[in-house]
Structures are given as structure tokens and as C-alpha cells.
Amino acid sequence: MTYSIVARDPATGALGVGVQTHQPSVGAIVPWVKAGVGAIATQSFANINFGPQGLALLENGLDSSRTLAALVAGDTSPGVRQLAVIDDSGAPAAHTGADCIPFAGHLIGEQFSCQANMMTGAGVPEAMAAAFGAAEGVLATRIMAALEAAQHAGGDIRGSQSAAILVRERGPLSPTWDLRIDNSEQPLTELRGLLNIRLAGQLLSAESINRSTSLEAARAKFAAAEALHSSHEQTFWFAVNSLTAMEQLDEAQALLEPLFAVAPQWRELLERLELPGALAIKPRFGL
């Protein structure tokens, strides 16, 4: 009663799952991902054991096809299960049981698999695959495009309630995208909002804006971040960290003054900070 995608980013090795259904808290049931190992989506009367068991099999050397076969063979009700597995090489495998509720099916592509059951009509996996292939950006963005395409193609015949994206990248300090909407009439709209917050944060991160970044480039990144998601916190840290580091104290002050007028707690926070940027801008506010 769900549509989902499992996928790997060939450029970064990131692995991920995106899912939407008409049940609450789908992010706690369907997606299972381990960086450098693989990703699994278990749905349609989901056997939640497929998640940890499948990741263990992948980590012990089985590829996606053998892992999927082992899970299905050991299940008591394979006819009602839908399952997708992708290993760290990017090879996908999928199973749609003969007793899954129509419209049900899956489509395997290059380093991804799309699957759906209990859809309003046929064509949902195909719409997801086309959108995923056409999308650009980080893996989470491409997965989001696939989910939105599934809904546009008809989606779950019962409607929408929860959605999730889980992406894990390689390396101990690599970011995890664990985005969940557990109960909403518009879960994909809210999930897109969460994704935009993360994307905006990436644009303004210390890795994105550093000493080699020009003022013009920093301003452009801030404008792009604001277009994705505007927040007091975003404005505060861009002014205190980025603009002050570039010795643009007038510009930093111009951003902070209206912020402090509507949200004075940020002025109090500035007073408490002992960061270099904060120390540079404090005198402008008599702090």
C-alpha cells in the first residue's frame, strides 16, 4: 500500500530510500540503509525483519539478488510482500508478490528500483523512474522528484499520510538525510519543506562558504538559500559567521538590525557568543 524507490548515487556512493503511504510513520518501517553496504525497502504487509536481516546479508558479502532471494525464500507470506534491495555496487533487485493489491509492480533501472502497490492506476513506477532519471542534484533531491512524480501519476488509492527520505553517505562525518513526515494530509509537501531546509543549510555551511569564497559568491549562496527556505537562524549565522569573516560589518549589521527588532532573543544570543565574528559585530549593537 505504498510507493518507494531505492537508489545509489554513482558520483558519491550515497545510498537511499524514499517512500510515501497512507499509514502513519512510514519512515520507521519501510526504509533501511547502511552506508557502504546497501539499502532496502520493505512494503505491502511489510515484513520489517527484511530490513536488518537484508543489511546483514549484504554486509556479509551477498549481492542484492542473492539477498532478495534469501529473504523471500525464508518468508511465510511472500505473495503479499513487496521488497527492493540495492547493494553498494549499485545493483538493484526487486520482488512484487503475486498477491499484492493492484495496481502493483516494480521497475528496475540503472542503480535504482521503483516499486508500488495499491496504486490508483498503472504507471507509477514508470513515472518515478523517469523523474529520478531526469532530476539533478544530491541523491535526496532526486529521490524527492521520484516521490512527487508518483503522486502526480495517481499515487496510493487511499490517499497520503506519511513520507520519508533516508540517505546515508560514505564516511564517519558524512551527512545523513533522515527526513520524516509521520502524519499529514500533505506529507510530500511537508517533506519537500524539510528537504529545502537541509539544502539551504548546505549552501551556507562552513564547507560551502570559506576563506576562498568571494563576497559575490557568498551573497549568491545566501540568496539561493533564502529562496529555498528563509529563517531567522539562517540570517543570523550568515551575518555573524560569513559576512564578518569577509569584513562586511555594515552589511552584517543591516541584516541583524531588523532581525533583532522582531526576534530579540537573537540579540541576546549574540551577546553570549565569544566567536570571532560575534566579537567583531558586538560593538555595533553596544554589546
Protein backbone atom coordinates (compact mmCIF):
# COMPACT_ATOMS: atom_id res chain seq x y z
CA MET A 1 0.00 0.00 0.00
CA THR A 2 2.99 2.16 -0.72
CA TYR A 3 5.33 3.52 -3.36
CA SER A 4 9.07 3.73 -2.85
CA ILE A 5 12.45 3.99 -4.52
CA VAL A 6 15.82 2.53 -3.53
CA ALA A 7 18.81 4.17 -5.20
CA ARG A 8 22.56 4.76 -5.24
CA ASP A 9 24.39 7.90 -6.34
CA PRO A 10 27.25 6.75 -8.59
CA ALA A 11 29.16 10.00 -8.02
CA THR A 12 29.27 9.83 -4.21
CA GLY A 13 28.32 6.26 -3.32
CA ALA A 14 25.38 7.54 -1.26
CA LEU A 15 22.58 5.04 -0.76
CA GLY A 16 18.97 5.94 -0.09
CA VAL A 17 15.27 5.14 0.09
CA GLY A 18 12.26 7.37 -0.45
CA VAL A 19 8.70 6.30 0.42
CA GLN A 20 5.11 7.52 0.82
CA THR A 21 1.98 5.74 2.04
CA HIS A 22 -1.45 6.13 3.62
CA GLN A 23 -0.37 4.96 7.06
CA PRO A 24 1.42 6.88 9.82
CA SER A 25 5.17 6.82 10.43
CA VAL A 26 6.25 5.03 7.27
CA GLY A 27 9.84 6.16 7.86
CA ALA A 28 10.08 3.77 10.82
CA ILE A 29 9.04 0.73 8.76
CA VAL A 30 9.97 0.76 5.06
CA PRO A 31 13.45 2.32 4.62
CA TRP A 32 16.65 0.62 5.78
CA VAL A 33 20.04 2.00 4.75
CA LYS A 34 23.64 1.43 5.78
CA ALA A 35 26.42 3.43 4.17
CA GLY A 36 28.84 1.29 2.20
CA VAL A 37 26.51 -1.70 2.47
CA GLY A 38 23.14 -1.19 0.80
CA ALA A 39 19.53 -0.01 1.01
CA ILE A 40 16.26 -1.90 1.42
CA ALA A 41 12.58 -1.00 1.09
CA THR A 42 10.12 -3.49 2.62
CA GLN A 43 6.42 -2.82 2.00
CA SER A 44 2.98 -4.31 1.24
CA PHE A 45 2.14 -6.02 4.54
CA ALA A 46 5.74 -5.13 5.31
CA ASN A 47 7.97 -7.73 6.91
CA ILE A 48 10.06 -5.34 8.98
CA ASN A 49 12.61 -8.10 9.61
CA PHE A 50 13.67 -7.82 5.96
CA GLY A 51 15.43 -4.56 6.86
CA PRO A 52 18.02 -5.65 9.44
CA GLN A 53 18.27 -9.17 8.01
CA GLY A 54 18.87 -7.90 4.49
CA LEU A 55 21.53 -5.40 5.56
CA ALA A 56 23.31 -8.16 7.49
CA LEU A 57 23.33 -10.41 4.43
CA LEU A 58 24.69 -7.60 2.26
CA GLU A 59 27.36 -6.77 4.81
CA ASN A 60 28.43 -10.42 4.83
CA GLY A 61 29.07 -10.44 1.10
CA LEU A 62 25.82 -11.36 -0.64
CA ASP A 63 24.84 -9.20 -3.59
CA SER A 64 21.37 -7.68 -3.96
CA SER A 65 19.89 -10.57 -5.99
CA ARG A 66 21.04 -13.26 -3.56
CA THR A 67 19.95 -11.17 -0.58
CA LEU A 68 16.49 -10.67 -2.01
CA ALA A 69 16.17 -14.35 -2.89
CA ALA A 70 17.18 -15.38 0.63
CA LEU A 71 14.70 -13.03 2.26
CA VAL A 72 11.81 -14.11 0.05
CA ALA A 73 12.65 -17.80 0.41
CA GLY A 74 12.62 -17.54 4.19
CA ASP A 75 9.32 -15.65 4.38
CA THR A 76 5.99 -17.29 5.24
CA SER A 77 3.90 -14.95 3.05
CA PRO A 78 5.97 -13.92 0.01
CA GLY A 79 2.88 -13.48 -2.13
CA VAL A 80 1.81 -10.34 -0.28
CA ARG A 81 5.28 -8.82 0.10
CA GLN A 82 6.98 -6.17 -1.97
CA LEU A 83 10.71 -5.76 -1.48
CA ALA A 84 13.57 -3.89 -3.12
CA VAL A 85 17.30 -4.21 -2.41
CA ILE A 86 20.30 -2.32 -3.76
CA ASP A 87 23.86 -3.21 -2.85
CA ASP A 88 26.91 -0.99 -2.57
CA SER A 89 27.86 -1.64 -6.19
CA GLY A 90 24.55 -0.12 -7.28
CA ALA A 91 22.98 -3.39 -8.44
CA PRO A 92 19.22 -3.43 -7.67
CA ALA A 93 16.81 -6.33 -7.23
CA ALA A 94 13.07 -6.32 -6.54
CA HIS A 95 10.18 -8.63 -5.74
CA THR A 96 6.45 -7.98 -6.12
CA GLY A 97 4.37 -10.85 -4.77
CA ALA A 98 1.59 -12.25 -6.91
CA ASP A 99 -0.99 -11.37 -4.25
CA CYS A 100 -0.04 -7.69 -3.86
CA ILE A 101 -3.06 -5.45 -4.35
CA PRO A 102 -3.32 -3.86 -7.82
CA PHE A 103 -2.09 -1.76 -9.27
CA ALA A 104 1.23 -3.26 -8.18
CA GLY A 105 4.61 -3.64 -9.82
CA HIS A 106 8.23 -2.55 -9.92
CA LEU A 107 10.73 -1.18 -12.40
CA ILE A 108 14.48 -1.74 -12.12
CA GLY A 109 16.83 0.83 -13.65
CA GLU A 110 20.47 1.88 -13.56
CA GLN A 111 21.36 1.94 -9.85
CA PHE A 112 17.74 2.25 -8.70
CA SER A 113 14.46 0.38 -8.35
CA CYS A 114 10.95 1.85 -8.10
CA GLN A 115 8.06 -0.18 -6.66
CA ALA A 116 4.42 0.44 -5.83
CA ASN A 117 1.29 -1.39 -4.76
CA MET A 118 -2.37 -0.49 -4.23
CA MET A 119 -1.96 2.42 -6.64
CA THR A 120 -4.84 4.34 -8.18
CA GLY A 121 -3.74 3.21 -11.64
CA ALA A 122 -0.88 1.72 -13.57
CA GLY A 123 2.31 3.57 -14.45
CA VAL A 124 3.53 4.78 -11.06
CA PRO A 125 6.93 3.00 -11.11
CA GLU A 126 7.47 4.24 -14.66
CA ALA A 127 6.71 7.83 -13.66
CA MET A 128 9.08 7.57 -10.71
CA ALA A 129 11.87 6.17 -12.86
CA ALA A 130 11.51 8.92 -15.44
CA ALA A 131 11.55 11.67 -12.81
CA PHE A 132 14.51 10.18 -10.98
CA GLY A 133 16.50 9.92 -14.19
CA ALA A 134 15.74 13.50 -15.20
CA ALA A 135 16.42 15.10 -11.82
CA GLU A 136 19.72 16.69 -10.82
CA GLY A 137 21.42 17.39 -7.51
CA VAL A 138 22.12 15.28 -4.44
CA LEU A 139 20.51 11.87 -4.11
CA ALA A 140 17.85 13.13 -1.68
CA THR A 141 16.72 15.70 -4.24
CA ARG A 142 16.43 13.09 -6.98
CA ILE A 143 14.50 10.76 -4.68
CA MET A 144 12.13 13.61 -3.82
CA ALA A 145 11.45 14.14 -7.53
CA ALA A 146 10.56 10.47 -7.89
CA LEU A 147 8.12 10.60 -4.98
CA GLU A 148 6.40 13.70 -6.34
CA ALA A 149 6.10 12.06 -9.76
CA ALA A 150 4.48 9.01 -8.18
CA GLN A 151 1.85 11.16 -6.52
CA HIS A 152 1.24 13.09 -9.73
CA ALA A 153 0.70 9.77 -11.52
CA GLY A 154 -2.08 8.84 -9.11
CA GLY A 155 -0.32 7.50 -6.04
CA ASP A 156 -1.90 5.39 -3.30
CA ILE A 157 -5.61 4.86 -3.98
CA ARG A 158 -6.34 5.58 -0.29
CA GLY A 159 -4.55 8.95 -0.29
CA SER A 160 -1.50 10.25 1.56
CA GLN A 161 -0.47 10.25 5.22
CA SER A 162 3.28 9.85 5.78
CA ALA A 163 6.50 10.05 3.80
CA ALA A 164 10.22 9.72 4.38
CA ILE A 165 13.63 10.01 2.76
CA LEU A 166 16.61 8.20 4.29
CA VAL A 167 20.01 8.71 2.64
CA ARG A 168 23.39 7.77 4.08
CA GLU A 169 26.70 8.82 2.58
CA ARG A 170 30.13 7.25 2.98
CA GLY A 171 32.48 8.28 5.77
CA PRO A 172 32.06 8.77 9.53
CA LEU A 173 31.46 12.50 9.15
CA SER A 174 29.34 12.32 6.01
CA PRO A 175 25.81 13.73 6.27
CA THR A 176 22.73 11.61 6.81
CA TRP A 177 19.41 12.74 5.34
CA ASP A 178 16.77 11.28 7.66
CA LEU A 179 13.65 13.26 6.79
CA ARG A 180 10.24 12.10 8.03
CA ILE A 181 6.66 13.32 7.97
CA ASP A 182 4.71 10.95 10.19
CA ASN A 183 1.12 12.16 9.91
CA SER A 184 -0.12 14.78 7.46
CA GLU A 185 -2.71 15.33 4.77
CA GLN A 186 0.11 16.65 2.55
CA PRO A 187 3.19 14.63 3.55
CA LEU A 188 5.11 15.22 0.33
CA THR A 189 4.64 18.98 0.55
CA GLU A 190 5.99 18.95 4.09
CA LEU A 191 8.78 16.54 3.14
CA ARG A 192 9.83 18.92 0.37
CA GLY A 193 9.94 21.67 3.00
CA LEU A 194 12.29 19.62 5.20
CA LEU A 195 14.47 18.84 2.21
CA ASN A 196 14.70 22.54 1.33
CA ILE A 197 15.81 23.36 4.88
CA ARG A 198 18.65 20.86 4.56
CA LEU A 199 19.59 22.10 1.09
CA ALA A 200 19.65 25.70 2.32
CA GLY A 201 21.87 24.66 5.20
CA GLN A 202 24.29 23.01 2.80
CA LEU A 203 24.55 26.20 0.76
CA LEU A 204 25.59 28.17 3.85
CA SER A 205 27.74 25.54 5.55
CA ALA A 206 31.35 26.13 6.53
CA GLU A 207 32.36 23.81 3.70
CA SER A 208 30.40 25.84 1.18
CA ILE A 209 31.41 29.33 2.35
CA ASN A 210 35.05 29.54 3.42
CA ARG A 211 38.00 31.89 3.13
CA SER A 212 38.35 31.25 -0.58
CA THR A 213 34.72 32.20 -1.29
CA SER A 214 34.25 35.61 -2.88
CA LEU A 215 31.79 38.10 -1.41
CA GLU A 216 29.68 37.90 -4.56
CA ALA A 217 29.55 34.11 -4.36
CA ALA A 218 28.63 34.22 -0.67
CA ARG A 219 25.81 36.67 -1.35
CA ALA A 220 24.56 34.42 -4.17
CA LYS A 221 24.57 31.38 -1.90
CA PHE A 222 22.62 33.27 0.76
CA ALA A 223 20.06 34.40 -1.82
CA ALA A 224 19.69 30.85 -3.10
CA ALA A 225 19.31 29.54 0.46
CA GLU A 226 16.67 32.17 1.22
CA ALA A 227 14.76 31.13 -1.91
CA LEU A 228 14.70 27.55 -0.65
CA HIS A 229 13.93 28.36 2.98
CA SER A 230 14.05 31.61 4.91
CA SER A 231 14.64 31.62 8.66
CA HIS A 232 15.92 33.86 11.45
CA GLU A 233 18.66 31.39 12.27
CA GLN A 234 19.89 31.31 8.69
CA THR A 235 20.09 35.10 8.58
CA PHE A 236 21.82 35.31 11.96
CA TRP A 237 24.62 32.89 11.22
CA PHE A 238 25.25 34.20 7.72
CA ALA A 239 25.70 37.67 9.17
CA VAL A 240 27.72 36.63 12.24
CA ASN A 241 29.91 33.99 10.59
CA SER A 242 30.19 34.69 6.87
CA LEU A 243 29.84 38.46 6.47
CA THR A 244 32.01 39.33 9.44
CA ALA A 245 34.73 36.95 8.20
CA MET A 246 34.70 38.94 4.96
CA GLU A 247 34.89 42.18 6.97
CA GLN A 248 31.45 43.26 5.75
CA LEU A 249 30.33 44.65 9.10
CA ASP A 250 27.94 47.22 7.63
CA GLU A 251 26.16 44.51 5.66
CA ALA A 252 26.07 42.20 8.67
CA GLN A 253 24.60 44.96 10.80
CA ALA A 254 21.97 45.70 8.15
CA LEU A 255 20.80 42.09 8.28
CA LEU A 256 20.84 41.82 12.06
CA GLU A 257 19.04 45.06 12.98
CA PRO A 258 15.62 44.11 11.56
CA LEU A 259 16.07 40.58 12.88
CA PHE A 260 16.67 41.83 16.43
CA ALA A 261 13.63 44.11 16.13
CA VAL A 262 11.24 41.20 15.53
CA ALA A 263 13.11 38.46 17.43
CA PRO A 264 15.17 39.99 20.27
CA GLN A 265 16.35 36.61 21.53
CA TRP A 266 18.90 36.61 18.71
CA ARG A 267 20.44 39.81 20.11
CA GLU A 268 20.75 38.10 23.46
CA LEU A 269 22.41 35.12 21.81
CA LEU A 270 24.89 37.42 20.08
CA GLU A 271 25.75 38.91 23.46
CA ARG A 272 26.57 35.45 24.83
CA LEU A 273 28.80 34.38 21.94
CA GLU A 274 32.58 34.63 22.03
CA LEU A 275 33.16 33.63 18.41
CA PRO A 276 35.42 35.86 16.30
CA GLY A 277 32.54 37.09 14.16
CA ALA A 278 30.39 37.84 17.17
CA LEU A 279 33.21 39.77 18.84
CA ALA A 280 33.65 41.82 15.67
CA ILE A 281 29.99 42.81 15.33
CA LYS A 282 29.01 43.22 19.00
CA PRO A 283 30.21 46.84 19.30
CA ARG A 284 27.76 47.81 16.54
CA PHE A 285 24.97 46.94 18.98
CA GLY A 286 26.57 48.27 22.13
CA LEU A 287 27.38 44.81 23.40
